């Protein structure tokens, strides 16, 4: 996105059903993802996320690297929580996601 002649890029891209009315405190689908363009963390409505993919080496997202690269997963998840907080996520929603990982 370009504004006023300056480049303003987000460091993360977040997709999640919470933003289209799909968040449910009791779980279920839909799920989403958070990515920085290099790593992609899949988000579920229930439990800890457990699927992380390195996009340059695995564009098909078939080799789960969650356990071997958990620090990257944590960074992406923290970014997701920040996104929720900054973009109108209710305190209940943010707290629910925060305690999962």
PDB file of N, CA and C in Angstrom:
ATOM      1  N   UNK A   1       0.843  -1.158   0.000  1.00  0.00           N
ATOM      2  CA  UNK A   1       0.000   0.000   0.000  1.00  0.00           C
ATOM      3  C   UNK A   1       0.895   1.229   0.000  1.00  0.00           C
ATOM      4  N   UNK A   2       0.574   2.200  -0.804  1.00  0.00           N
ATOM      5  CA  UNK A   2       1.350   3.440  -0.869  1.00  0.00           C
ATOM      6  C   UNK A   2       0.433   4.589  -0.468  1.00  0.00           C
ATOM      7  N   UNK A   3       0.908   5.420   0.437  1.00  0.00           N
ATOM      8  CA  UNK A   3       0.150   6.586   0.890  1.00  0.00           C
ATOM      9  C   UNK A   3       1.052   7.800   0.886  1.00  0.00           C
ATOM     10  N   UNK A   4       0.550   8.886   0.365  1.00  0.00           N
ATOM     11  CA  UNK A   4       1.258  10.166   0.396  1.00  0.00           C
ATOM     12  C   UNK A   4       2.697  10.051  -0.096  1.00  0.00           C
ATOM     13  N   UNK A   5       2.917   9.203  -1.083  1.00  0.00           N
ATOM     14  CA  UNK A   5       4.254   9.072  -1.625  1.00  0.00           C
ATOM     15  C   UNK A   5       5.204   8.262  -0.774  1.00  0.00           C
ATOM     16  N   UNK A   6       4.716   7.670   0.290  1.00  0.00           N
ATOM     17  CA  UNK A   6       5.572   6.859   1.155  1.00  0.00           C
ATOM     18  C   UNK A   6       5.089   5.420   1.125  1.00  0.00           C
ATOM     19  N   UNK A   7       6.037   4.508   1.219  1.00  0.00           N
ATOM     20  CA  UNK A   7       5.690   3.091   1.281  1.00  0.00           C
ATOM     21  C   UNK A   7       5.350   2.718   2.714  1.00  0.00           C
ATOM     22  N   UNK A   8       4.170   2.158   2.907  1.00  0.00           N
ATOM     23  CA  UNK A   8       3.760   1.649   4.219  1.00  0.00           C
ATOM     24  C   UNK A   8       3.387   0.185   4.048  1.00  0.00           C
ATOM     25  N   UNK A   9       4.231  -0.699   4.523  1.00  0.00           N
ATOM     26  CA  UNK A   9       3.974  -2.120   4.396  1.00  0.00           C
ATOM     27  C   UNK A   9       3.830  -2.740   5.775  1.00  0.00           C
ATOM     28  N   UNK A  10       2.890  -3.641   5.888  1.00  0.00           N
ATOM     29  CA  UNK A  10       2.758  -4.400   7.127  1.00  0.00           C
ATOM     30  C   UNK A  10       3.799  -5.508   7.131  1.00  0.00           C
ATOM     31  N   UNK A  11       4.304  -5.818   8.306  1.00  0.00           N
ATOM     32  CA  UNK A  11       5.283  -6.899   8.404  1.00  0.00           C
ATOM     33  C   UNK A  11       4.611  -8.268   8.409  1.00  0.00           C
ATOM     34  N   UNK A  12       3.315  -8.310   8.717  1.00  0.00           N
ATOM     35  CA  UNK A  12       2.572  -9.564   8.763  1.00  0.00           C
ATOM     36  C   UNK A  12       1.262  -9.429   8.001  1.00  0.00           C
ATOM     37  N   UNK A  13       0.802 -10.550   7.493  1.00  0.00           N
ATOM     38  CA  UNK A  13      -0.525 -10.637   6.902  1.00  0.00           C
ATOM     39  C   UNK A  13      -1.316 -11.641   7.730  1.00  0.00           C
ATOM     40  N   UNK A  14      -2.518 -11.251   8.133  1.00  0.00           N
ATOM     41  CA  UNK A  14      -3.355 -12.098   8.980  1.00  0.00           C
ATOM     42  C   UNK A  14      -4.669 -12.368   8.271  1.00  0.00           C
ATOM     43  N   UNK A  15      -5.039 -13.637   8.196  1.00  0.00           N
ATOM     44  CA  UNK A  15      -6.378 -14.013   7.751  1.00  0.00           C
ATOM     45  C   UNK A  15      -6.969 -14.884   8.839  1.00  0.00           C
ATOM     46  N   UNK A  16      -8.194 -14.600   9.210  1.00  0.00           N
ATOM     47  CA  UNK A  16      -8.843 -15.410  10.235  1.00  0.00           C
ATOM     48  C   UNK A  16     -10.333 -15.162  10.203  1.00  0.00           C
ATOM     49  N   UNK A  17     -11.097 -16.181  10.459  1.00  0.00           N
ATOM     50  CA  UNK A  17     -12.548 -16.073  10.466  1.00  0.00           C
ATOM     51  C   UNK A  17     -13.089 -15.075  11.459  1.00  0.00           C
ATOM     52  N   UNK A  18     -12.279 -14.713  12.458  1.00  0.00           N
ATOM     53  CA  UNK A  18     -12.720 -13.730  13.445  1.00  0.00           C
ATOM     54  C   UNK A  18     -13.143 -12.436  12.768  1.00  0.00           C
ATOM     55  N   UNK A  19     -12.559 -12.139  11.630  1.00  0.00           N
ATOM     56  CA  UNK A  19     -12.822 -10.859  10.967  1.00  0.00           C
ATOM     57  C   UNK A  19     -13.987 -10.923  10.005  1.00  0.00           C
ATOM     58  N   UNK A  20     -14.559 -12.096   9.823  1.00  0.00           N
ATOM     59  CA  UNK A  20     -15.757 -12.205   8.993  1.00  0.00           C
ATOM     60  C   UNK A  20     -16.891 -12.843   9.781  1.00  0.00           C
ATOM     61  N   UNK A  21     -16.845 -12.672  11.082  1.00  0.00           N
ATOM     62  CA  UNK A  21     -17.912 -13.184  11.924  1.00  0.00           C
ATOM     63  C   UNK A  21     -17.797 -14.655  12.248  1.00  0.00           C
ATOM     64  N   UNK A  22     -16.644 -15.266  11.975  1.00  0.00           N
ATOM     65  CA  UNK A  22     -16.508 -16.699  12.176  1.00  0.00           C
ATOM     66  C   UNK A  22     -15.910 -17.115  13.500  1.00  0.00           C
ATOM     67  N   UNK A  23     -15.495 -16.161  14.335  1.00  0.00           N
ATOM     68  CA  UNK A  23     -14.890 -16.534  15.599  1.00  0.00           C
ATOM     69  C   UNK A  23     -15.946 -17.114  16.510  1.00  0.00           C
ATOM     70  N   UNK A  24     -15.624 -18.233  17.108  1.00  0.00           N
ATOM     71  CA  UNK A  24     -16.545 -18.816  18.077  1.00  0.00           C
ATOM     72  C   UNK A  24     -15.745 -19.241  19.294  1.00  0.00           C
ATOM     73  N   UNK A  25     -16.151 -18.800  20.481  1.00  0.00           N
ATOM     74  CA  UNK A  25     -15.381 -19.114  21.677  1.00  0.00           C
ATOM     75  C   UNK A  25     -15.335 -20.603  21.985  1.00  0.00           C
ATOM     76  N   UNK A  26     -16.251 -21.380  21.425  1.00  0.00           N
ATOM     77  CA  UNK A  26     -16.251 -22.816  21.686  1.00  0.00           C
ATOM     78  C   UNK A  26     -15.543 -23.598  20.594  1.00  0.00           C
ATOM     79  N   UNK A  27     -14.847 -22.899  19.712  1.00  0.00           N
ATOM     80  CA  UNK A  27     -14.047 -23.584  18.707  1.00  0.00           C
ATOM     81  C   UNK A  27     -14.758 -23.734  17.382  1.00  0.00           C
ATOM     82  N   UNK A  28     -14.273 -24.673  16.614  1.00  0.00           N
ATOM     83  CA  UNK A  28     -14.825 -24.897  15.294  1.00  0.00           C
ATOM     84  C   UNK A  28     -14.055 -24.163  14.218  1.00  0.00           C
ATOM     85  N   UNK A  29     -14.576 -24.191  13.043  1.00  0.00           N
ATOM     86  CA  UNK A  29     -13.940 -23.553  11.901  1.00  0.00           C
ATOM     87  C   UNK A  29     -14.618 -22.216  11.689  1.00  0.00           C
ATOM     88  N   UNK A  30     -14.085 -21.298  10.959  1.00  0.00           N
ATOM     89  CA  UNK A  30     -12.933 -21.429  10.101  1.00  0.00           C
ATOM     90  C   UNK A  30     -11.631 -21.196  10.841  1.00  0.00           C
ATOM     91  N   UNK A  31     -10.551 -21.526  10.189  1.00  0.00           N
ATOM     92  CA  UNK A  31      -9.240 -21.207  10.726  1.00  0.00           C
ATOM     93  C   UNK A  31      -8.594 -20.199   9.796  1.00  0.00           C
ATOM     94  N   UNK A  32      -7.425 -19.741  10.167  1.00  0.00           N
ATOM     95  CA  UNK A  32      -6.747 -18.729   9.364  1.00  0.00           C
ATOM     96  C   UNK A  32      -5.258 -18.962   9.372  1.00  0.00           C
ATOM     97  N   UNK A  33      -4.536 -17.915   9.036  1.00  0.00           N
ATOM     98  CA  UNK A  33      -3.084 -18.001   9.048  1.00  0.00           C
ATOM     99  C   UNK A  33      -2.503 -16.628   9.304  1.00  0.00           C
ATOM    100  N   UNK A  34      -1.276 -16.636   9.751  1.00  0.00           N
ATOM    101  CA  UNK A  34      -0.485 -15.413   9.853  1.00  0.00           C
ATOM    102  C   UNK A  34       0.835 -15.707   9.150  1.00  0.00           C
ATOM    103  N   UNK A  35       1.262 -14.777   8.305  1.00  0.00           N
ATOM    104  CA  UNK A  35       2.490 -14.979   7.546  1.00  0.00           C
ATOM    105  C   UNK A  35       3.298 -13.693   7.480  1.00  0.00           C
ATOM    106  N   UNK A  36       4.601 -13.874   7.403  1.00  0.00           N
ATOM    107  CA  UNK A  36       5.494 -12.735   7.173  1.00  0.00           C
ATOM    108  C   UNK A  36       6.085 -12.804   5.768  1.00  0.00           C
ATOM    109  N   UNK A  37       5.553 -13.702   4.948  1.00  0.00           N
ATOM    110  CA  UNK A  37       6.039 -13.887   3.589  1.00  0.00           C
ATOM    111  C   UNK A  37       7.076 -14.986   3.480  1.00  0.00           C
ATOM    112  N   UNK A  38       7.732 -15.301   4.582  1.00  0.00           N
ATOM    113  CA  UNK A  38       8.715 -16.383   4.625  1.00  0.00           C
ATOM    114  C   UNK A  38       8.155 -17.579   5.374  1.00  0.00           C
ATOM    115  N   UNK A  39       7.478 -17.317   6.474  1.00  0.00           N
ATOM    116  CA  UNK A  39       6.885 -18.356   7.311  1.00  0.00           C
ATOM    117  C   UNK A  39       5.373 -18.190   7.319  1.00  0.00           C
ATOM    118  N   UNK A  40       4.655 -19.305   7.406  1.00  0.00           N
ATOM    119  CA  UNK A  40       3.199 -19.290   7.488  1.00  0.00           C
ATOM    120  C   UNK A  40       2.769 -20.180   8.648  1.00  0.00           C
ATOM    121  N   UNK A  41       2.043 -19.599   9.597  1.00  0.00           N
ATOM    122  CA  UNK A  41       1.527 -20.331  10.755  1.00  0.00           C
ATOM    123  C   UNK A  41       0.021 -20.460  10.595  1.00  0.00           C
ATOM    124  N   UNK A  42      -0.480 -21.702  10.577  1.00  0.00           N
ATOM    125  CA  UNK A  42      -1.915 -21.923  10.485  1.00  0.00           C
ATOM    126  C   UNK A  42      -2.532 -21.765  11.864  1.00  0.00           C
ATOM    127  N   UNK A  43      -3.686 -21.124  11.897  1.00  0.00           N
ATOM    128  CA  UNK A  43      -4.377 -20.837  13.155  1.00  0.00           C
ATOM    129  C   UNK A  43      -5.681 -21.616  13.208  1.00  0.00           C
ATOM    130  N   UNK A  44      -5.910 -22.267  14.320  1.00  0.00           N
ATOM    131  CA  UNK A  44      -7.157 -22.989  14.550  1.00  0.00           C
ATOM    132  C   UNK A  44      -7.960 -22.245  15.606  1.00  0.00           C
ATOM    133  N   UNK A  45      -9.257 -22.451  15.629  1.00  0.00           N
ATOM    134  CA  UNK A  45     -10.079 -21.850  16.678  1.00  0.00           C
ATOM    135  C   UNK A  45      -9.982 -22.621  17.985  1.00  0.00           C
ATOM    136  N   UNK A  46      -9.407 -23.801  17.947  1.00  0.00           N
ATOM    137  CA  UNK A  46      -9.281 -24.619  19.148  1.00  0.00           C
ATOM    138  C   UNK A  46      -7.816 -24.978  19.349  1.00  0.00           C
ATOM    139  N   UNK A  47      -7.315 -24.738  20.549  1.00  0.00           N
ATOM    140  CA  UNK A  47      -5.988 -25.201  20.915  1.00  0.00           C
ATOM    141  C   UNK A  47      -4.831 -24.419  20.327  1.00  0.00           C
ATOM    142  N   UNK A  48      -3.655 -24.932  20.641  1.00  0.00           N
ATOM    143  CA  UNK A  48      -2.401 -24.332  20.207  1.00  0.00           C
ATOM    144  C   UNK A  48      -2.197 -24.569  18.719  1.00  0.00           C
ATOM    145  N   UNK A  49      -1.738 -23.545  17.991  1.00  0.00           N
ATOM    146  CA  UNK A  49      -1.398 -23.810  16.592  1.00  0.00           C
ATOM    147  C   UNK A  49      -0.251 -24.815  16.541  1.00  0.00           C
ATOM    148  N   UNK A  50      -0.245 -25.668  15.521  1.00  0.00           N
ATOM    149  CA  UNK A  50       0.815 -26.678  15.446  1.00  0.00           C
ATOM    150  C   UNK A  50       1.284 -26.938  14.015  1.00  0.00           C
ATOM    151  N   UNK A  51       0.992 -25.994  13.120  1.00  0.00           N
ATOM    152  CA  UNK A  51       1.422 -26.150  11.727  1.00  0.00           C
ATOM    153  C   UNK A  51       2.135 -24.882  11.280  1.00  0.00           C
ATOM    154  N   UNK A  52       3.419 -25.025  10.969  1.00  0.00           N
ATOM    155  CA  UNK A  52       4.264 -23.921  10.531  1.00  0.00           C
ATOM    156  C   UNK A  52       4.999 -24.351   9.267  1.00  0.00           C
ATOM    157  N   UNK A  53       5.004 -23.482   8.272  1.00  0.00           N
ATOM    158  CA  UNK A  53       5.633 -23.823   7.003  1.00  0.00           C
ATOM    159  C   UNK A  53       6.607 -22.738   6.576  1.00  0.00           C
ATOM    160  N   UNK A  54       7.740 -23.166   6.012  1.00  0.00           N
ATOM    161  CA  UNK A  54       8.743 -22.263   5.464  1.00  0.00           C
ATOM    162  C   UNK A  54       8.455 -22.142   3.969  1.00  0.00           C
ATOM    163  N   UNK A  55       7.879 -21.011   3.572  1.00  0.00           N
ATOM    164  CA  UNK A  55       7.352 -20.861   2.219  1.00  0.00           C
ATOM    165  C   UNK A  55       8.396 -20.911   1.106  1.00  0.00           C
ATOM    166  N   UNK A  56       9.590 -20.310   1.254  1.00  0.00           N
ATOM    167  CA  UNK A  56      10.566 -20.393   0.161  1.00  0.00           C
ATOM    168  C   UNK A  56      10.994 -21.828  -0.170  1.00  0.00           C
ATOM    169  N   UNK A  57      11.139 -22.660   0.847  1.00  0.00           N
ATOM    170  CA  UNK A  57      11.582 -24.035   0.603  1.00  0.00           C
ATOM    171  C   UNK A  57      10.422 -25.020   0.482  1.00  0.00           C
ATOM    172  N   UNK A  58       9.214 -24.586   0.829  1.00  0.00           N
ATOM    173  CA  UNK A  58       8.056 -25.481   0.843  1.00  0.00           C
ATOM    174  C   UNK A  58       6.784 -24.718   0.441  1.00  0.00           C
ATOM    175  N   UNK A  59       6.717 -24.237  -0.801  1.00  0.00           N
ATOM    176  CA  UNK A  59       5.558 -23.441  -1.206  1.00  0.00           C
ATOM    177  C   UNK A  59       4.238 -24.216  -1.190  1.00  0.00           C
ATOM    178  N   UNK A  60       4.308 -25.540  -1.237  1.00  0.00           N
ATOM    179  CA  UNK A  60       3.090 -26.353  -1.179  1.00  0.00           C
ATOM    180  C   UNK A  60       2.609 -26.562   0.259  1.00  0.00           C
ATOM    181  N   UNK A  61       3.389 -26.111   1.212  1.00  0.00           N
ATOM    182  CA  UNK A  61       3.085 -26.245   2.643  1.00  0.00           C
ATOM    183  C   UNK A  61       2.786 -27.703   3.012  1.00  0.00           C
ATOM    184  N   UNK A  62       3.745 -28.566   2.695  1.00  0.00           N
ATOM    185  CA  UNK A  62       3.581 -29.991   2.975  1.00  0.00           C
ATOM    186  C   UNK A  62       4.528 -30.501   4.054  1.00  0.00           C
ATOM    187  N   UNK A  63       5.510 -29.695   4.449  1.00  0.00           N
ATOM    188  CA  UNK A  63       6.489 -30.122   5.451  1.00  0.00           C
ATOM    189  C   UNK A  63       6.352 -29.244   6.700  1.00  0.00           C
ATOM    190  N   UNK A  64       5.660 -29.768   7.692  1.00  0.00           N
ATOM    191  CA  UNK A  64       5.395 -29.013   8.914  1.00  0.00           C
ATOM    192  C   UNK A  64       6.676 -28.851   9.728  1.00  0.00           C
ATOM    193  N   UNK A  65       7.050 -27.593  10.012  1.00  0.00           N
ATOM    194  CA  UNK A  65       8.284 -27.315  10.756  1.00  0.00           C
ATOM    195  C   UNK A  65       7.999 -26.706  12.123  1.00  0.00           C
ATOM    196  N   UNK A  66       6.801 -26.922  12.633  1.00  0.00           N
ATOM    197  CA  UNK A  66       6.424 -26.322  13.911  1.00  0.00           C
ATOM    198  C   UNK A  66       7.376 -26.720  15.034  1.00  0.00           C
ATOM    199  N   UNK A  67       7.657 -27.992  15.183  1.00  0.00           N
ATOM    200  CA  UNK A  67       8.485 -28.430  16.314  1.00  0.00           C
ATOM    201  C   UNK A  67       9.945 -28.035  16.162  1.00  0.00           C
ATOM    202  N   UNK A  68      10.435 -27.945  14.931  1.00  0.00           N
ATOM    203  CA  UNK A  68      11.849 -27.609  14.738  1.00  0.00           C
ATOM    204  C   UNK A  68      12.103 -26.106  14.687  1.00  0.00           C
ATOM    205  N   UNK A  69      11.069 -25.329  14.421  1.00  0.00           N
ATOM    206  CA  UNK A  69      11.226 -23.875  14.294  1.00  0.00           C
ATOM    207  C   UNK A  69      10.186 -23.139  15.133  1.00  0.00           C
ATOM    208  N   UNK A  70      10.016 -23.590  16.356  1.00  0.00           N
ATOM    209  CA  UNK A  70       8.969 -23.043  17.218  1.00  0.00           C
ATOM    210  C   UNK A  70       9.168 -21.557  17.523  1.00  0.00           C
ATOM    211  N   UNK A  71      10.414 -21.075  17.495  1.00  0.00           N
ATOM    212  CA  UNK A  71      10.647 -19.643  17.730  1.00  0.00           C
ATOM    213  C   UNK A  71       9.977 -18.791  16.653  1.00  0.00           C
ATOM    214  N   UNK A  72      10.010 -19.259  15.411  1.00  0.00           N
ATOM    215  CA  UNK A  72       9.326 -18.537  14.333  1.00  0.00           C
ATOM    216  C   UNK A  72       7.814 -18.582  14.550  1.00  0.00           C
ATOM    217  N   UNK A  73       7.320 -19.726  14.987  1.00  0.00           N
ATOM    218  CA  UNK A  73       5.888 -19.850  15.272  1.00  0.00           C
ATOM    219  C   UNK A  73       5.479 -18.869  16.366  1.00  0.00           C
ATOM    220  N   UNK A  74       6.277 -18.761  17.402  1.00  0.00           N
ATOM    221  CA  UNK A  74       5.979 -17.850  18.511  1.00  0.00           C
ATOM    222  C   UNK A  74       5.957 -16.397  18.028  1.00  0.00           C
ATOM    223  N   UNK A  75       6.921 -16.015  17.203  1.00  0.00           N
ATOM    224  CA  UNK A  75       6.960 -14.638  16.690  1.00  0.00           C
ATOM    225  C   UNK A  75       5.709 -14.319  15.875  1.00  0.00           C
ATOM    226  N   UNK A  76       5.311 -15.241  15.024  1.00  0.00           N
ATOM    227  CA  UNK A  76       4.114 -15.018  14.220  1.00  0.00           C
ATOM    228  C   UNK A  76       2.870 -14.953  15.093  1.00  0.00           C
ATOM    229  N   UNK A  77       2.789 -15.834  16.086  1.00  0.00           N
ATOM    230  CA  UNK A  77       1.606 -15.842  16.950  1.00  0.00           C
ATOM    231  C   UNK A  77       1.538 -14.564  17.777  1.00  0.00           C
ATOM    232  N   UNK A  78       2.669 -14.103  18.274  1.00  0.00           N
ATOM    233  CA  UNK A  78       2.688 -12.833  19.010  1.00  0.00           C
ATOM    234  C   UNK A  78       2.229 -11.690  18.105  1.00  0.00           C
ATOM    235  N   UNK A  79       2.629 -11.728  16.846  1.00  0.00           N
ATOM    236  CA  UNK A  79       2.173 -10.723  15.889  1.00  0.00           C
ATOM    237  C   UNK A  79       0.676 -10.795  15.659  1.00  0.00           C
ATOM    238  N   UNK A  80       0.134 -12.009  15.647  1.00  0.00           N
ATOM    239  CA  UNK A  80      -1.311 -12.199  15.513  1.00  0.00           C
ATOM    240  C   UNK A  80      -2.042 -11.585  16.705  1.00  0.00           C
ATOM    241  N   UNK A  81      -1.547 -11.823  17.910  1.00  0.00           N
ATOM    242  CA  UNK A  81      -2.165 -11.249  19.112  1.00  0.00           C
ATOM    243  C   UNK A  81      -2.108  -9.724  19.051  1.00  0.00           C
ATOM    244  N   UNK A  82      -0.972  -9.180  18.648  1.00  0.00           N
ATOM    245  CA  UNK A  82      -0.856  -7.722  18.499  1.00  0.00           C
ATOM    246  C   UNK A  82      -1.868  -7.197  17.484  1.00  0.00           C
ATOM    247  N   UNK A  83      -2.025  -7.914  16.379  1.00  0.00           N
ATOM    248  CA  UNK A  83      -2.980  -7.515  15.352  1.00  0.00           C
ATOM    249  C   UNK A  83      -4.395  -7.489  15.919  1.00  0.00           C
ATOM    250  N   UNK A  84      -4.776  -8.542  16.629  1.00  0.00           N
ATOM    251  CA  UNK A  84      -6.108  -8.585  17.241  1.00  0.00           C
ATOM    252  C   UNK A  84      -6.324  -7.393  18.162  1.00  0.00           C
ATOM    253  N   UNK A  85      -5.332  -7.122  18.986  1.00  0.00           N
ATOM    254  CA  UNK A  85      -5.431  -6.039  19.963  1.00  0.00           C
ATOM    255  C   UNK A  85      -5.570  -4.684  19.270  1.00  0.00           C
ATOM    256  N   UNK A  86      -4.790  -4.464  18.234  1.00  0.00           N
ATOM    257  CA  UNK A  86      -4.766  -3.165  17.555  1.00  0.00           C
ATOM    258  C   UNK A  86      -5.943  -2.933  16.617  1.00  0.00           C
ATOM    259  N   UNK A  87      -6.625  -4.000  16.220  1.00  0.00           N
ATOM    260  CA  UNK A  87      -7.677  -3.857  15.216  1.00  0.00           C
ATOM    261  C   UNK A  87      -9.056  -4.250  15.737  1.00  0.00           C
ATOM    262  N   UNK A  88      -9.303  -3.979  17.000  1.00  0.00           N
ATOM    263  CA  UNK A  88     -10.655  -4.089  17.523  1.00  0.00           C
ATOM    264  C   UNK A  88     -11.092  -5.439  18.027  1.00  0.00           C
ATOM    265  N   UNK A  89     -10.156  -6.360  18.225  1.00  0.00           N
ATOM    266  CA  UNK A  89     -10.543  -7.631  18.826  1.00  0.00           C
ATOM    267  C   UNK A  89     -11.054  -7.394  20.240  1.00  0.00           C
ATOM    268  N   UNK A  90     -12.158  -8.013  20.586  1.00  0.00           N
ATOM    269  CA  UNK A  90     -12.707  -7.823  21.930  1.00  0.00           C
ATOM    270  C   UNK A  90     -11.732  -8.383  22.962  1.00  0.00           C
ATOM    271  N   UNK A  91     -11.752  -7.850  24.174  1.00  0.00           N
ATOM    272  CA  UNK A  91     -10.878  -8.398  25.215  1.00  0.00           C
ATOM    273  C   UNK A  91     -11.069  -9.905  25.402  1.00  0.00           C
ATOM    274  N   UNK A  92     -12.308 -10.376  25.293  1.00  0.00           N
ATOM    275  CA  UNK A  92     -12.576 -11.810  25.446  1.00  0.00           C
ATOM    276  C   UNK A  92     -11.903 -12.614  24.330  1.00  0.00           C
ATOM    277  N   UNK A  93     -12.002 -12.120  23.101  1.00  0.00           N
ATOM    278  CA  UNK A  93     -11.381 -12.806  21.970  1.00  0.00           C
ATOM    279  C   UNK A  93      -9.865 -12.837  22.123  1.00  0.00           C
ATOM    280  N   UNK A  94      -9.276 -11.680  22.439  1.00  0.00           N
ATOM    281  CA  UNK A  94      -7.819 -11.599  22.586  1.00  0.00           C
ATOM    282  C   UNK A  94      -7.349 -12.532  23.693  1.00  0.00           C
ATOM    283  N   UNK A  95      -8.044 -12.519  24.834  1.00  0.00           N
ATOM    284  CA  UNK A  95      -7.663 -13.388  25.957  1.00  0.00           C
ATOM    285  C   UNK A  95      -7.759 -14.860  25.570  1.00  0.00           C
ATOM    286  N   UNK A  96      -8.789 -15.205  24.819  1.00  0.00           N
ATOM    287  CA  UNK A  96      -8.963 -16.593  24.398  1.00  0.00           C
ATOM    288  C   UNK A  96      -7.795 -17.060  23.534  1.00  0.00           C
ATOM    289  N   UNK A  97      -7.394 -16.236  22.573  1.00  0.00           N
ATOM    290  CA  UNK A  97      -6.274 -16.611  21.714  1.00  0.00           C
ATOM    291  C   UNK A  97      -4.943 -16.539  22.459  1.00  0.00           C
ATOM    292  N   UNK A  98      -4.797 -15.561  23.342  1.00  0.00           N
ATOM    293  CA  UNK A  98      -3.529 -15.380  24.059  1.00  0.00           C
ATOM    294  C   UNK A  98      -3.170 -16.610  24.898  1.00  0.00           C
ATOM    295  N   UNK A  99      -4.146 -17.232  25.518  1.00  0.00           N
ATOM    296  CA  UNK A  99      -3.843 -18.349  26.416  1.00  0.00           C
ATOM    297  C   UNK A  99      -3.574 -19.666  25.690  1.00  0.00           C
ATOM    298  N   UNK A 100      -3.691 -19.681  24.398  1.00  0.00           N
ATOM    299  CA  UNK A 100      -3.515 -20.932  23.649  1.00  0.00           C
ATOM    300  C   UNK A 100      -2.075 -21.302  23.362  1.00  0.00           C
ATOM    301  N   UNK A 101      -1.168 -20.309  23.394  1.00  0.00           N
ATOM    302  CA  UNK A 101       0.219 -20.609  22.993  1.00  0.00           C
ATOM    303  C   UNK A 101       1.156 -19.708  23.754  1.00  0.00           C
TER     304      UNK A 101
END
